[in-house]
PDB file of N, CA and C in Angstrom:
ATOM      1  N   MET A   1      49.668 -34.346  21.579  1.00  0.00           N
ATOM      2  CA  MET A   1      50.439 -33.481  22.441  1.00  0.00           C
ATOM      3  C   MET A   1      50.569 -32.113  21.781  1.00  0.00           C
ATOM      4  N   PHE A   2      50.550 -31.112  22.607  1.00  0.00           N
ATOM      5  CA  PHE A   2      50.674 -29.756  22.102  1.00  0.00           C
ATOM      6  C   PHE A   2      52.120 -29.315  22.154  1.00  0.00           C
ATOM      7  N   GLN A   3      52.454 -28.509  21.190  1.00  0.00           N
ATOM      8  CA  GLN A   3      53.821 -28.036  21.087  1.00  0.00           C
ATOM      9  C   GLN A   3      53.891 -26.611  21.622  1.00  0.00           C
ATOM     10  N   ASN A   4      54.883 -26.344  22.435  1.00  0.00           N
ATOM     11  CA  ASN A   4      55.053 -25.003  22.982  1.00  0.00           C
ATOM     12  C   ASN A   4      55.767 -24.130  21.963  1.00  0.00           C
ATOM     13  N   ILE A   5      55.143 -23.000  21.674  1.00  0.00           N
ATOM     14  CA  ILE A   5      55.732 -22.064  20.725  1.00  0.00           C
ATOM     15  C   ILE A   5      56.022 -20.776  21.484  1.00  0.00           C
ATOM     16  N   THR A   6      57.233 -20.329  21.365  1.00  0.00           N
ATOM     17  CA  THR A   6      57.607 -19.110  22.075  1.00  0.00           C
ATOM     18  C   THR A   6      57.049 -17.896  21.350  1.00  0.00           C
ATOM     19  N   GLU A   7      57.015 -16.795  22.037  1.00  0.00           N
ATOM     20  CA  GLU A   7      56.496 -15.548  21.467  1.00  0.00           C
ATOM     21  C   GLU A   7      57.346 -15.077  20.294  1.00  0.00           C
ATOM     22  N   GLU A   8      58.650 -15.331  20.359  1.00  0.00           N
ATOM     23  CA  GLU A   8      59.531 -14.914  19.268  1.00  0.00           C
ATOM     24  C   GLU A   8      59.191 -15.654  17.979  1.00  0.00           C
ATOM     25  N   GLU A   9      58.915 -16.943  18.077  1.00  0.00           N
ATOM     26  CA  GLU A   9      58.556 -17.718  16.891  1.00  0.00           C
ATOM     27  C   GLU A   9      57.242 -17.234  16.304  1.00  0.00           C
ATOM     28  N   LYS A  10      56.283 -16.880  17.158  1.00  0.00           N
ATOM     29  CA  LYS A  10      55.007 -16.363  16.677  1.00  0.00           C
ATOM     30  C   LYS A  10      55.211 -15.049  15.931  1.00  0.00           C
ATOM     31  N   GLN A  11      56.060 -14.182  16.475  1.00  0.00           N
ATOM     32  CA  GLN A  11      56.314 -12.895  15.838  1.00  0.00           C
ATOM     33  C   GLN A  11      57.036 -13.082  14.507  1.00  0.00           C
ATOM     34  N   GLU A  12      57.964 -14.026  14.450  1.00  0.00           N
ATOM     35  CA  GLU A  12      58.674 -14.290  13.199  1.00  0.00           C
ATOM     36  C   GLU A  12      57.713 -14.770  12.119  1.00  0.00           C
ATOM     37  N   LYS A  13      56.765 -15.614  12.494  1.00  0.00           N
ATOM     38  CA  LYS A  13      55.798 -16.113  11.527  1.00  0.00           C
ATOM     39  C   LYS A  13      54.899 -14.996  11.003  1.00  0.00           C
ATOM     40  N   THR A  14      54.492 -14.101  11.895  1.00  0.00           N
ATOM     41  CA  THR A  14      53.628 -13.008  11.440  1.00  0.00           C
ATOM     42  C   THR A  14      54.389 -12.052  10.535  1.00  0.00           C
ATOM     43  N   ILE A  15      55.657 -11.830  10.801  1.00  0.00           N
ATOM     44  CA  ILE A  15      56.478 -10.976   9.944  1.00  0.00           C
ATOM     45  C   ILE A  15      56.641 -11.622   8.572  1.00  0.00           C
ATOM     46  N   GLU A  16      56.880 -12.924   8.537  1.00  0.00           N
ATOM     47  CA  GLU A  16      57.001 -13.633   7.264  1.00  0.00           C
ATOM     48  C   GLU A  16      55.695 -13.561   6.470  1.00  0.00           C
ATOM     49  N   GLU A  17      54.563 -13.697   7.144  1.00  0.00           N
ATOM     50  CA  GLU A  17      53.273 -13.621   6.463  1.00  0.00           C
ATOM     51  C   GLU A  17      53.041 -12.224   5.904  1.00  0.00           C
ATOM     52  N   GLN A  18      53.425 -11.192   6.638  1.00  0.00           N
ATOM     53  CA  GLN A  18      53.255  -9.827   6.157  1.00  0.00           C
ATOM     54  C   GLN A  18      54.139  -9.563   4.945  1.00  0.00           C
ATOM     55  N   GLU A  19      55.369 -10.072   4.966  1.00  0.00           N
ATOM     56  CA  GLU A  19      56.260  -9.904   3.821  1.00  0.00           C
ATOM     57  C   GLU A  19      55.705 -10.616   2.599  1.00  0.00           C
ATOM     58  N   TRP A  20      55.134 -11.800   2.795  1.00  0.00           N
ATOM     59  CA  TRP A  20      54.593 -12.570   1.672  1.00  0.00           C
ATOM     60  C   TRP A  20      53.397 -11.859   1.049  1.00  0.00           C
ATOM     61  N   THR A  21      52.519 -11.315   1.879  1.00  0.00           N
ATOM     62  CA  THR A  21      51.346 -10.632   1.342  1.00  0.00           C
ATOM     63  C   THR A  21      51.726  -9.319   0.670  1.00  0.00           C
ATOM     64  N   SER A  22      52.785  -8.669   1.106  1.00  0.00           N
ATOM     65  CA  SER A  22      53.190  -7.421   0.474  1.00  0.00           C
ATOM     66  C   SER A  22      53.871  -7.668  -0.872  1.00  0.00           C
ATOM     67  N   LYS A  23      54.334  -8.886  -1.118  1.00  0.00           N
ATOM     68  CA  LYS A  23      55.007  -9.198  -2.371  1.00  0.00           C
ATOM     69  C   LYS A  23      54.035  -9.561  -3.496  1.00  0.00           C
ATOM     70  N   ILE A  24      52.747  -9.707  -3.192  1.00  0.00           N
ATOM     71  CA  ILE A  24      51.776 -10.057  -4.214  1.00  0.00           C
ATOM     72  C   ILE A  24      51.609  -8.876  -5.159  1.00  0.00           C
ATOM     73  N   ASN A  25      51.789  -9.148  -6.451  1.00  0.00           N
ATOM     74  CA  ASN A  25      51.700  -8.113  -7.459  1.00  0.00           C
ATOM     75  C   ASN A  25      50.563  -8.453  -8.409  1.00  0.00           C
ATOM     76  N   ILE A  26      49.590  -7.560  -8.517  1.00  0.00           N
ATOM     77  CA  ILE A  26      48.406  -7.816  -9.339  1.00  0.00           C
ATOM     78  C   ILE A  26      48.784  -7.935 -10.807  1.00  0.00           C
ATOM     79  N   LYS A  27      49.675  -7.094 -11.291  1.00  0.00           N
ATOM     80  CA  LYS A  27      50.076  -7.142 -12.702  1.00  0.00           C
ATOM     81  C   LYS A  27      50.709  -8.482 -13.038  1.00  0.00           C
ATOM     82  N   GLU A  28      51.491  -8.997 -12.124  1.00  0.00           N
ATOM     83  CA  GLU A  28      52.151 -10.280 -12.352  1.00  0.00           C
ATOM     84  C   GLU A  28      51.124 -11.414 -12.410  1.00  0.00           C
ATOM     85  N   ILE A  29      50.144 -11.366 -11.538  1.00  0.00           N
ATOM     86  CA  ILE A  29      49.102 -12.394 -11.530  1.00  0.00           C
ATOM     87  C   ILE A  29      48.292 -12.339 -12.806  1.00  0.00           C
ATOM     88  N   LEU A  30      47.887 -11.132 -13.226  1.00  0.00           N
ATOM     89  CA  LEU A  30      47.109 -10.991 -14.451  1.00  0.00           C
ATOM     90  C   LEU A  30      47.903 -11.411 -15.683  1.00  0.00           C
ATOM     91  N   SER A  31      49.203 -11.137 -15.688  1.00  0.00           N
ATOM     92  CA  SER A  31      50.011 -11.544 -16.838  1.00  0.00           C
ATOM     93  C   SER A  31      50.137 -13.060 -16.917  1.00  0.00           C
ATOM     94  N   LYS A  32      50.088 -13.740 -15.772  1.00  0.00           N
ATOM     95  CA  LYS A  32      50.126 -15.203 -15.785  1.00  0.00           C
ATOM     96  C   LYS A  32      48.782 -15.801 -16.180  1.00  0.00           C
ATOM     97  N   VAL A  33      47.689 -15.146 -15.796  1.00  0.00           N
ATOM     98  CA  VAL A  33      46.353 -15.658 -16.107  1.00  0.00           C
ATOM     99  C   VAL A  33      46.010 -15.421 -17.569  1.00  0.00           C
ATOM    100  N   PHE A  34      46.411 -14.279 -18.127  1.00  0.00           N
ATOM    101  CA  PHE A  34      46.047 -13.919 -19.489  1.00  0.00           C
ATOM    102  C   PHE A  34      47.231 -14.055 -20.446  1.00  0.00           C
ATOM    103  N   THR A  35      47.791 -15.251 -20.529  1.00  0.00           N
ATOM    104  CA  THR A  35      48.803 -15.521 -21.538  1.00  0.00           C
ATOM    105  C   THR A  35      48.112 -15.816 -22.864  1.00  0.00           C
ATOM    106  N   LYS A  36      48.879 -15.876 -23.946  1.00  0.00           N
ATOM    107  CA  LYS A  36      48.294 -16.120 -25.270  1.00  0.00           C
ATOM    108  C   LYS A  36      47.580 -17.464 -25.323  1.00  0.00           C
ATOM    109  N   GLN A  37      48.187 -18.478 -24.746  1.00  0.00           N
ATOM    110  CA  GLN A  37      47.580 -19.807 -24.770  1.00  0.00           C
ATOM    111  C   GLN A  37      46.305 -19.846 -23.941  1.00  0.00           C
ATOM    112  N   ASN A  38      46.308 -19.183 -22.809  1.00  0.00           N
ATOM    113  CA  ASN A  38      45.117 -19.176 -21.963  1.00  0.00           C
ATOM    114  C   ASN A  38      43.985 -18.384 -22.603  1.00  0.00           C
ATOM    115  N   ILE A  39      44.313 -17.286 -23.282  1.00  0.00           N
ATOM    116  CA  ILE A  39      43.275 -16.508 -23.954  1.00  0.00           C
ATOM    117  C   ILE A  39      42.599 -17.348 -25.022  1.00  0.00           C
ATOM    118  N   LEU A  40      43.360 -18.168 -25.722  1.00  0.00           N
ATOM    119  CA  LEU A  40      42.782 -19.066 -26.724  1.00  0.00           C
ATOM    120  C   LEU A  40      41.815 -20.057 -26.063  1.00  0.00           C
ATOM    121  N   VAL A  41      42.182 -20.578 -24.922  1.00  0.00           N
ATOM    122  CA  VAL A  41      41.309 -21.502 -24.191  1.00  0.00           C
ATOM    123  C   VAL A  41      40.037 -20.782 -23.731  1.00  0.00           C
ATOM    124  N   TYR A  42      40.157 -19.529 -23.298  1.00  0.00           N
ATOM    125  CA  TYR A  42      38.989 -18.770 -22.863  1.00  0.00           C
ATOM    126  C   TYR A  42      38.014 -18.545 -24.022  1.00  0.00           C
ATOM    127  N   ILE A  43      38.560 -18.213 -25.194  1.00  0.00           N
ATOM    128  CA  ILE A  43      37.707 -17.999 -26.364  1.00  0.00           C
ATOM    129  C   ILE A  43      37.018 -19.293 -26.767  1.00  0.00           C
ATOM    130  N   ILE A  44      37.760 -20.393 -26.763  1.00  0.00           N
ATOM    131  CA  ILE A  44      37.172 -21.690 -27.124  1.00  0.00           C
ATOM    132  C   ILE A  44      36.100 -22.088 -26.113  1.00  0.00           C
ATOM    133  N   SER A  45      36.338 -21.857 -24.836  1.00  0.00           N
ATOM    134  CA  SER A  45      35.335 -22.209 -23.825  1.00  0.00           C
ATOM    135  C   SER A  45      34.071 -21.386 -23.999  1.00  0.00           C
ATOM    136  N   PHE A  46      34.222 -20.124 -24.384  1.00  0.00           N
ATOM    137  CA  PHE A  46      33.056 -19.281 -24.641  1.00  0.00           C
ATOM    138  C   PHE A  46      32.262 -19.814 -25.831  1.00  0.00           C
ATOM    139  N   MET A  47      32.963 -20.151 -26.900  1.00  0.00           N
ATOM    140  CA  MET A  47      32.287 -20.624 -28.109  1.00  0.00           C
ATOM    141  C   MET A  47      31.645 -21.994 -27.896  1.00  0.00           C
ATOM    142  N   VAL A  48      32.328 -22.861 -27.193  1.00  0.00           N
ATOM    143  CA  VAL A  48      31.812 -24.208 -26.967  1.00  0.00           C
ATOM    144  C   VAL A  48      30.599 -24.181 -26.046  1.00  0.00           C
ATOM    145  N   SER A  49      30.539 -23.233 -25.138  1.00  0.00           N
ATOM    146  CA  SER A  49      29.396 -23.167 -24.224  1.00  0.00           C
ATOM    147  C   SER A  49      28.123 -22.727 -24.940  1.00  0.00           C
ATOM    148  N   MET A  50      28.246 -22.207 -26.151  1.00  0.00           N
ATOM    149  CA  MET A  50      27.069 -21.819 -26.936  1.00  0.00           C
ATOM    150  C   MET A  50      26.390 -23.028 -27.571  1.00  0.00           C
ATOM    151  N   VAL A  51      27.064 -24.178 -27.601  1.00  0.00           N
ATOM    152  CA  VAL A  51      26.515 -25.394 -28.191  1.00  0.00           C
ATOM    153  C   VAL A  51      25.835 -26.194 -27.082  1.00  0.00           C
ATOM    154  N   SER A  52      24.595 -26.642 -27.337  1.00  0.00           N
ATOM    155  CA  SER A  52      23.896 -27.424 -26.327  1.00  0.00           C
ATOM    156  C   SER A  52      23.039 -28.486 -26.992  1.00  0.00           C
ATOM    157  N   THR A  53      22.540 -29.386 -26.180  1.00  0.00           N
ATOM    158  CA  THR A  53      21.647 -30.430 -26.666  1.00  0.00           C
ATOM    159  C   THR A  53      20.213 -29.926 -26.622  1.00  0.00           C
ATOM    160  N   VAL A  54      19.282 -30.797 -26.947  1.00  0.00           N
ATOM    161  CA  VAL A  54      17.866 -30.432 -26.942  1.00  0.00           C
ATOM    162  C   VAL A  54      17.398 -30.071 -25.536  1.00  0.00           C
ATOM    163  N   ASN A  55      17.946 -30.713 -24.545  1.00  0.00           N
ATOM    164  CA  ASN A  55      17.542 -30.477 -23.158  1.00  0.00           C
ATOM    165  C   ASN A  55      18.160 -29.217 -22.555  1.00  0.00           C
ATOM    166  N   GLY A  56      19.044 -28.569 -23.276  1.00  0.00           N
ATOM    167  CA  GLY A  56      19.694 -27.373 -22.759  1.00  0.00           C
ATOM    168  C   GLY A  56      20.984 -27.643 -22.021  1.00  0.00           C
ATOM    169  N   ILE A  57      21.443 -28.869 -22.040  1.00  0.00           N
ATOM    170  CA  ILE A  57      22.700 -29.216 -21.368  1.00  0.00           C
ATOM    171  C   ILE A  57      23.856 -28.911 -22.316  1.00  0.00           C
ATOM    172  N   ALA A  58      24.926 -28.353 -21.792  1.00  0.00           N
ATOM    173  CA  ALA A  58      26.105 -28.032 -22.589  1.00  0.00           C
ATOM    174  C   ALA A  58      27.222 -29.021 -22.240  1.00  0.00           C
ATOM    175  N   PRO A  59      27.241 -30.208 -22.880  1.00  0.00           N
ATOM    176  CA  PRO A  59      28.241 -31.208 -22.503  1.00  0.00           C
ATOM    177  C   PRO A  59      29.660 -30.804 -22.866  1.00  0.00           C
ATOM    178  N   PHE A  60      29.825 -30.037 -23.939  1.00  0.00           N
ATOM    179  CA  PHE A  60      31.173 -29.647 -24.340  1.00  0.00           C
ATOM    180  C   PHE A  60      31.750 -28.599 -23.386  1.00  0.00           C
ATOM    181  N   ALA A  61      30.892 -27.730 -22.865  1.00  0.00           N
ATOM    182  CA  ALA A  61      31.356 -26.753 -21.890  1.00  0.00           C
ATOM    183  C   ALA A  61      31.799 -27.449 -20.604  1.00  0.00           C
ATOM    184  N   LEU A  62      31.055 -28.465 -20.203  1.00  0.00           N
ATOM    185  CA  LEU A  62      31.456 -29.231 -19.015  1.00  0.00           C
ATOM    186  C   LEU A  62      32.774 -29.956 -19.258  1.00  0.00           C
ATOM    187  N   ALA A  63      32.942 -30.478 -20.471  1.00  0.00           N
ATOM    188  CA  ALA A  63      34.170 -31.211 -20.791  1.00  0.00           C
ATOM    189  C   ALA A  63      35.384 -30.290 -20.797  1.00  0.00           C
ATOM    190  N   ILE A  64      35.247 -29.107 -21.381  1.00  0.00           N
ATOM    191  CA  ILE A  64      36.395 -28.196 -21.420  1.00  0.00           C
ATOM    192  C   ILE A  64      36.705 -27.657 -20.020  1.00  0.00           C
ATOM    193  N   PHE A  65      35.689 -27.480 -19.193  1.00  0.00           N
ATOM    194  CA  PHE A  65      35.930 -27.047 -17.814  1.00  0.00           C
ATOM    195  C   PHE A  65      36.678 -28.133 -17.043  1.00  0.00           C
ATOM    196  N   ALA A  66      36.280 -29.390 -17.228  1.00  0.00           N
ATOM    197  CA  ALA A  66      36.981 -30.493 -16.569  1.00  0.00           C
ATOM    198  C   ALA A  66      38.415 -30.607 -17.070  1.00  0.00           C
ATOM    199  N   ALA A  67      38.629 -30.355 -18.357  1.00  0.00           N
ATOM    200  CA  ALA A  67      39.982 -30.407 -18.907  1.00  0.00           C
ATOM    201  C   ALA A  67      40.866 -29.316 -18.327  1.00  0.00           C
ATOM    202  N   THR A  68      40.309 -28.136 -18.126  1.00  0.00           N
ATOM    203  CA  THR A  68      41.118 -27.068 -17.532  1.00  0.00           C
ATOM    204  C   THR A  68      41.463 -27.373 -16.083  1.00  0.00           C
ATOM    205  N   LEU A  69      40.541 -27.996 -15.371  1.00  0.00           N
ATOM    206  CA  LEU A  69      40.841 -28.392 -13.996  1.00  0.00           C
ATOM    207  C   LEU A  69      41.977 -29.405 -13.945  1.00  0.00           C
ATOM    208  N   SER A  70      41.952 -30.365 -14.866  1.00  0.00           N
ATOM    209  CA  SER A  70      42.973 -31.415 -14.835  1.00  0.00           C
ATOM    210  C   SER A  70      44.325 -30.936 -15.337  1.00  0.00           C
ATOM    211  N   ASN A  71      44.359 -29.878 -16.148  1.00  0.00           N
ATOM    212  CA  ASN A  71      45.623 -29.392 -16.684  1.00  0.00           C
ATOM    213  C   ASN A  71      46.225 -28.236 -15.903  1.00  0.00           C
ATOM    214  N   GLY A  72      45.554 -27.795 -14.866  1.00  0.00           N
ATOM    215  CA  GLY A  72      46.119 -26.751 -14.023  1.00  0.00           C
ATOM    216  C   GLY A  72      45.965 -25.344 -14.572  1.00  0.00           C
ATOM    217  N   LEU A  73      45.066 -25.132 -15.520  1.00  0.00           N
ATOM    218  CA  LEU A  73      44.807 -23.790 -16.022  1.00  0.00           C
ATOM    219  C   LEU A  73      43.874 -23.063 -15.057  1.00  0.00           C
ATOM    220  N   PRO A  74      43.821 -21.743 -15.125  1.00  0.00           N
ATOM    221  CA  PRO A  74      42.911 -20.999 -14.247  1.00  0.00           C
ATOM    222  C   PRO A  74      41.450 -21.320 -14.576  1.00  0.00           C
ATOM    223  N   ALA A  75      40.845 -22.149 -13.771  1.00  0.00           N
ATOM    224  CA  ALA A  75      39.500 -22.644 -14.060  1.00  0.00           C
ATOM    225  C   ALA A  75      38.429 -21.605 -13.782  1.00  0.00           C
ATOM    226  N   GLY A  76      38.689 -20.669 -12.924  1.00  0.00           N
ATOM    227  CA  GLY A  76      37.693 -19.648 -12.614  1.00  0.00           C
ATOM    228  C   GLY A  76      37.359 -18.796 -13.820  1.00  0.00           C
ATOM    229  N   VAL A  77      38.370 -18.431 -14.594  1.00  0.00           N
ATOM    230  CA  VAL A  77      38.145 -17.611 -15.777  1.00  0.00           C
ATOM    231  C   VAL A  77      37.394 -18.410 -16.830  1.00  0.00           C
ATOM    232  N   VAL A  78      37.751 -19.681 -17.001  1.00  0.00           N
ATOM    233  CA  VAL A  78      37.041 -20.545 -17.951  1.00  0.00           C
ATOM    234  C   VAL A  78      35.590 -20.699 -17.525  1.00  0.00           C
ATOM    235  N   PHE A  79      35.368 -20.841 -16.253  1.00  0.00           N
ATOM    236  CA  PHE A  79      34.004 -20.967 -15.742  1.00  0.00           C
ATOM    237  C   PHE A  79      33.188 -19.714 -16.042  1.00  0.00           C
ATOM    238  N   VAL A  80      33.784 -18.546 -15.837  1.00  0.00           N
ATOM    239  CA  VAL A  80      33.077 -17.294 -16.094  1.00  0.00           C
ATOM    240  C   VAL A  80      32.738 -17.149 -17.580  1.00  0.00           C
ATOM    241  N   PHE A  81      33.696 -17.461 -18.458  1.00  0.00           N
ATOM    242  CA  PHE A  81      33.438 -17.360 -19.893  1.00  0.00           C
ATOM    243  C   PHE A  81      32.387 -18.377 -20.336  1.00  0.00           C
ATOM    244  N   SER A  82      32.424 -19.568 -19.783  1.00  0.00           N
ATOM    245  CA  SER A  82      31.402 -20.566 -20.105  1.00  0.00           C
ATOM    246  C   SER A  82      30.035 -20.130 -19.604  1.00  0.00           C
ATOM    247  N   LEU A  83      29.999 -19.533 -18.441  1.00  0.00           N
ATOM    248  CA  LEU A  83      28.740 -19.042 -17.890  1.00  0.00           C
ATOM    249  C   LEU A  83      28.158 -17.925 -18.749  1.00  0.00           C
ATOM    250  N   ILE A  84      29.001 -17.013 -19.200  1.00  0.00           N
ATOM    251  CA  ILE A  84      28.537 -15.925 -20.064  1.00  0.00           C
ATOM    252  C   ILE A  84      28.007 -16.483 -21.378  1.00  0.00           C
ATOM    253  N   GLY A  85      28.724 -17.433 -21.969  1.00  0.00           N
ATOM    254  CA  GLY A  85      28.259 -18.044 -23.208  1.00  0.00           C
ATOM    255  C   GLY A  85      26.938 -18.771 -23.042  1.00  0.00           C
ATOM    256  N   THR A  86      26.768 -19.460 -21.932  1.00  0.00           N
ATOM    257  CA  THR A  86      25.520 -20.172 -21.662  1.00  0.00           C
ATOM    258  C   THR A  86      24.370 -19.196 -21.466  1.00  0.00           C
ATOM    259  N   LEU A  87      24.610 -18.096 -20.767  1.00  0.00           N
ATOM    260  CA  LEU A  87      23.563 -17.098 -20.564  1.00  0.00           C
ATOM    261  C   LEU A  87      23.146 -16.442 -21.882  1.00  0.00           C
ATOM    262  N   ILE A  88      24.110 -16.142 -22.727  1.00  0.00           N
ATOM    263  CA  ILE A  88      23.793 -15.556 -24.030  1.00  0.00           C
ATOM    264  C   ILE A  88      22.993 -16.542 -24.867  1.00  0.00           C
ATOM    265  N   ARG A  89      23.380 -17.807 -24.849  1.00  0.00           N
ATOM    266  CA  ARG A  89      22.663 -18.825 -25.609  1.00  0.00           C
ATOM    267  C   ARG A  89      21.220 -18.954 -25.127  1.00  0.00           C
ATOM    268  N   ASP A  90      21.016 -18.964 -23.822  1.00  0.00           N
ATOM    269  CA  ASP A  90      19.664 -19.095 -23.278  1.00  0.00           C
ATOM    270  C   ASP A  90      18.807 -17.881 -23.610  1.00  0.00           C
ATOM    271  N   ARG A  91      19.368 -16.690 -23.547  1.00  0.00           N
ATOM    272  CA  ARG A  91      18.615 -15.476 -23.891  1.00  0.00           C
ATOM    273  C   ARG A  91      18.231 -15.496 -25.365  1.00  0.00           C
ATOM    274  N   TRP A  92      19.150 -15.943 -26.216  1.00  0.00           N
ATOM    275  CA  TRP A  92      18.887 -15.993 -27.644  1.00  0.00           C
ATOM    276  C   TRP A  92      17.801 -17.005 -27.961  1.00  0.00           C
ATOM    277  N   ARG A  93      17.828 -18.158 -27.286  1.00  0.00           N
ATOM    278  CA  ARG A  93      16.806 -19.183 -27.509  1.00  0.00           C
ATOM    279  C   ARG A  93      15.427 -18.703 -27.084  1.00  0.00           C
ATOM    280  N   ARG A  94      15.356 -17.981 -25.991  1.00  0.00           N
ATOM    281  CA  ARG A  94      14.063 -17.497 -25.512  1.00  0.00           C
ATOM    282  C   ARG A  94      13.483 -16.430 -26.425  1.00  0.00           C
ATOM    283  N   SER A  95      14.356 -15.655 -27.065  1.00  0.00           N
ATOM    284  CA  SER A  95      13.858 -14.593 -27.926  1.00  0.00           C
ATOM    285  C   SER A  95      13.373 -15.107 -29.277  1.00  0.00           C
ATOM    286  N   THR A  96      13.811 -16.290 -29.694  1.00  0.00           N
ATOM    287  CA  THR A  96      13.376 -16.813 -30.999  1.00  0.00           C
ATOM    288  C   THR A  96      12.219 -17.750 -30.876  1.00  0.00           C
TER     289      THR A  96
END
């Protein structure tokens, strides 16, 4: 069954959504993402992604990425640092 929503309720919801989006502060988000503990995790993920097996698989980078997902840390930043470390490792291997 469909629920009837009046025009006033629709307008109230859009006003609430606009207020919520205007309250987003980039500095606040960055300060939460780049805390001291998280920066340590980012550095470790970068360093661990440089280690690989003979086949080129980085099992420790996958493990630390899975750990960040399970602990609620910002996984996107860990993924980017792991990706950068893996790319540097591959470039270095090809040059030697």
